[in-house]
Amino acid sequence: MCLIPEIPFELTGDHGLLRCVSDLFEAKGHCVIVVAEGAGMDLISDDMRSYGTDASGNVKRPDIGLWLRARINEHFAAQGQEVNLKLIGMLSLGFSCVLISRALVD
């Protein structure tokens, strides 16, 4: 799955990210999530949304990948399930999320 800032997503609920991850684990035994910078910022509490600005005046944002990893781990731990998550750092290769996602699962 690919998360981008232009398309908001829910974390919980019948159509939430955690449900989708659970469904994919059950159906395929794995799940790849590609997260674009800025995705999910509406889910992070207000006090974590900004870390000031960089030298160019751009707003610094928290790492959504780390935040999502924590939420996914908490979700599965609460269900008594163990998951093995890998977090790959920021990719600035000019590829679209779709291409990266396909390459990771092929």
C-alpha atoms as a PDB file:
ATOM      1  CA  MET A   1       0.000   0.000   0.000  1.00  0.00           C
ATOM      2  CA  CYS A   2       1.098   3.535  -0.669  1.00  0.00           C
ATOM      3  CA  LEU A   3       0.325   6.469   1.636  1.00  0.00           C
ATOM      4  CA  ILE A   4       0.608  10.003   0.271  1.00  0.00           C
ATOM      5  CA  PRO A   5      -0.300  13.361   1.851  1.00  0.00           C
ATOM      6  CA  GLU A   6      -2.871  14.178  -0.829  1.00  0.00           C
ATOM      7  CA  ILE A   7      -5.075  11.238   0.190  1.00  0.00           C
ATOM      8  CA  PRO A   8      -5.958  11.167   3.894  1.00  0.00           C
ATOM      9  CA  PHE A   9      -6.249   7.792   5.587  1.00  0.00           C
ATOM     10  CA  GLU A  10      -7.668   6.518   8.848  1.00  0.00           C
ATOM     11  CA  LEU A  11      -5.631   4.482  11.281  1.00  0.00           C
ATOM     12  CA  THR A  12      -8.506   2.537  12.843  1.00  0.00           C
ATOM     13  CA  GLY A  13     -11.934   1.347  11.819  1.00  0.00           C
ATOM     14  CA  ASP A  14     -13.235  -1.019   9.137  1.00  0.00           C
ATOM     15  CA  HIS A  15     -11.347   0.825   6.390  1.00  0.00           C
ATOM     16  CA  GLY A  16      -8.399   1.949   8.488  1.00  0.00           C
ATOM     17  CA  LEU A  17      -4.738   1.217   7.895  1.00  0.00           C
ATOM     18  CA  LEU A  18      -4.470  -1.237  10.799  1.00  0.00           C
ATOM     19  CA  ARG A  19      -7.370  -3.302   9.442  1.00  0.00           C
ATOM     20  CA  CYS A  20      -5.809  -3.310   5.963  1.00  0.00           C
ATOM     21  CA  VAL A  21      -2.449  -4.405   7.364  1.00  0.00           C
ATOM     22  CA  SER A  22      -4.145  -7.178   9.367  1.00  0.00           C
ATOM     23  CA  ASP A  23      -6.053  -8.356   6.288  1.00  0.00           C
ATOM     24  CA  LEU A  24      -2.892  -8.409   4.166  1.00  0.00           C
ATOM     25  CA  PHE A  25      -0.945 -10.319   6.819  1.00  0.00           C
ATOM     26  CA  GLU A  26      -3.739 -12.869   6.984  1.00  0.00           C
ATOM     27  CA  ALA A  27      -4.113 -13.213   3.208  1.00  0.00           C
ATOM     28  CA  LYS A  28      -0.490 -12.958   2.056  1.00  0.00           C
ATOM     29  CA  GLY A  29       1.651 -13.300   5.153  1.00  0.00           C
ATOM     30  CA  HIS A  30       3.290  -9.929   4.538  1.00  0.00           C
ATOM     31  CA  CYS A  31       2.571  -6.279   3.848  1.00  0.00           C
ATOM     32  CA  VAL A  32       4.632  -3.485   2.290  1.00  0.00           C
ATOM     33  CA  ILE A  33       3.748   0.106   3.150  1.00  0.00           C
ATOM     34  CA  VAL A  34       5.387   2.984   1.303  1.00  0.00           C
ATOM     35  CA  VAL A  35       4.858   6.297   3.072  1.00  0.00           C
ATOM     36  CA  ALA A  36       5.510   9.625   1.383  1.00  0.00           C
ATOM     37  CA  GLU A  37       6.786  12.552   3.420  1.00  0.00           C
ATOM     38  CA  GLY A  38       3.834  14.472   4.819  1.00  0.00           C
ATOM     39  CA  ALA A  39       1.398  11.546   4.762  1.00  0.00           C
ATOM     40  CA  GLY A  40      -0.656  11.042   7.922  1.00  0.00           C
ATOM     41  CA  MET A  41       0.264  14.337   9.550  1.00  0.00           C
ATOM     42  CA  ASP A  42      -3.405  14.805  10.493  1.00  0.00           C
ATOM     43  CA  LEU A  43      -3.139  11.671  12.667  1.00  0.00           C
ATOM     44  CA  ILE A  44      -0.197  12.882  14.721  1.00  0.00           C
ATOM     45  CA  SER A  45      -1.013  15.031  17.750  1.00  0.00           C
ATOM     46  CA  ASP A  46      -0.680  18.790  17.335  1.00  0.00           C
ATOM     47  CA  ASP A  47       2.402  19.030  19.572  1.00  0.00           C
ATOM     48  CA  MET A  48       4.306  16.643  17.262  1.00  0.00           C
ATOM     49  CA  ARG A  49       3.319  18.137  13.893  1.00  0.00           C
ATOM     50  CA  SER A  50       6.120  20.672  13.654  1.00  0.00           C
ATOM     51  CA  TYR A  51       9.725  20.674  14.752  1.00  0.00           C
ATOM     52  CA  GLY A  52      10.284  24.257  13.626  1.00  0.00           C
ATOM     53  CA  THR A  53      11.678  25.124  10.214  1.00  0.00           C
ATOM     54  CA  ASP A  54      14.813  24.314   8.274  1.00  0.00           C
ATOM     55  CA  ALA A  55      17.236  26.878   6.811  1.00  0.00           C
ATOM     56  CA  SER A  56      14.969  27.333   3.774  1.00  0.00           C
ATOM     57  CA  GLY A  57      11.906  28.011   5.905  1.00  0.00           C
ATOM     58  CA  ASN A  58      10.269  24.629   5.240  1.00  0.00           C
ATOM     59  CA  VAL A  59       8.346  23.137   8.160  1.00  0.00           C
ATOM     60  CA  LYS A  60      10.160  20.173   9.707  1.00  0.00           C
ATOM     61  CA  ARG A  61       7.851  17.217  10.299  1.00  0.00           C
ATOM     62  CA  PRO A  62       8.153  14.187  12.551  1.00  0.00           C
ATOM     63  CA  ASP A  63       9.009  10.841  10.962  1.00  0.00           C
ATOM     64  CA  ILE A  64       5.634   9.295  10.098  1.00  0.00           C
ATOM     65  CA  GLY A  65       7.350   5.950   9.472  1.00  0.00           C
ATOM     66  CA  LEU A  66       8.494   5.711  13.091  1.00  0.00           C
ATOM     67  CA  TRP A  67       5.067   6.784  14.328  1.00  0.00           C
ATOM     68  CA  LEU A  68       3.276   4.212  12.142  1.00  0.00           C
ATOM     69  CA  ARG A  69       5.680   1.459  13.175  1.00  0.00           C
ATOM     70  CA  ALA A  70       4.856   2.145  16.824  1.00  0.00           C
ATOM     71  CA  ARG A  71       1.087   2.125  16.155  1.00  0.00           C
ATOM     72  CA  ILE A  72       1.306  -1.122  14.150  1.00  0.00           C
ATOM     73  CA  ASN A  73       3.399  -2.804  16.854  1.00  0.00           C
ATOM     74  CA  GLU A  74       0.939  -1.657  19.543  1.00  0.00           C
ATOM     75  CA  HIS A  75      -2.027  -2.926  17.510  1.00  0.00           C
ATOM     76  CA  PHE A  76      -0.635  -6.415  17.005  1.00  0.00           C
ATOM     77  CA  ALA A  77       0.754  -6.666  20.556  1.00  0.00           C
ATOM     78  CA  ALA A  78      -2.718  -5.890  21.908  1.00  0.00           C
ATOM     79  CA  GLN A  79      -4.010  -8.843  19.867  1.00  0.00           C
ATOM     80  CA  GLY A  80      -1.228 -11.094  21.131  1.00  0.00           C
ATOM     81  CA  GLN A  81       0.329 -11.326  17.672  1.00  0.00           C
ATOM     82  CA  GLU A  82       3.985 -10.859  16.863  1.00  0.00           C
ATOM     83  CA  VAL A  83       5.005  -8.933  13.759  1.00  0.00           C
ATOM     84  CA  ASN A  84       8.414  -8.421  12.233  1.00  0.00           C
ATOM     85  CA  LEU A  85       8.610  -4.855  10.920  1.00  0.00           C
ATOM     86  CA  LYS A  86      11.390  -3.394   8.852  1.00  0.00           C
ATOM     87  CA  LEU A  87      11.663   0.352   8.423  1.00  0.00           C
ATOM     88  CA  ILE A  88      13.645   1.477   5.415  1.00  0.00           C
ATOM     89  CA  GLY A  89      14.777   5.087   5.609  1.00  0.00           C
ATOM     90  CA  MET A  90      13.817   7.938   3.375  1.00  0.00           C
ATOM     91  CA  LEU A  91      14.073   7.208  -0.320  1.00  0.00           C
ATOM     92  CA  SER A  92      14.658  10.240  -2.500  1.00  0.00           C
ATOM     93  CA  LEU A  93      15.213   8.484  -5.790  1.00  0.00           C
ATOM     94  CA  GLY A  94      12.589  10.197  -7.891  1.00  0.00           C
ATOM     95  CA  PHE A  95      10.527   6.986  -8.208  1.00  0.00           C
ATOM     96  CA  SER A  96       6.825   7.021  -7.535  1.00  0.00           C
ATOM     97  CA  CYS A  97       5.474   5.163  -4.501  1.00  0.00           C
ATOM     98  CA  VAL A  98       3.758   2.703  -6.808  1.00  0.00           C
ATOM     99  CA  LEU A  99       7.012   1.690  -8.515  1.00  0.00           C
ATOM    100  CA  ILE A 100       8.806   1.268  -5.211  1.00  0.00           C
ATOM    101  CA  SER A 101       5.936  -0.790  -3.793  1.00  0.00           C
ATOM    102  CA  ARG A 102       5.899  -3.107  -6.785  1.00  0.00           C
ATOM    103  CA  ALA A 103       9.661  -3.592  -6.665  1.00  0.00           C
ATOM    104  CA  LEU A 104       9.540  -4.543  -2.994  1.00  0.00           C
ATOM    105  CA  VAL A 105       6.924  -7.261  -3.395  1.00  0.00           C
ATOM    106  CA  ASP A 106       7.992  -8.747  -6.733  1.00  0.00           C
END
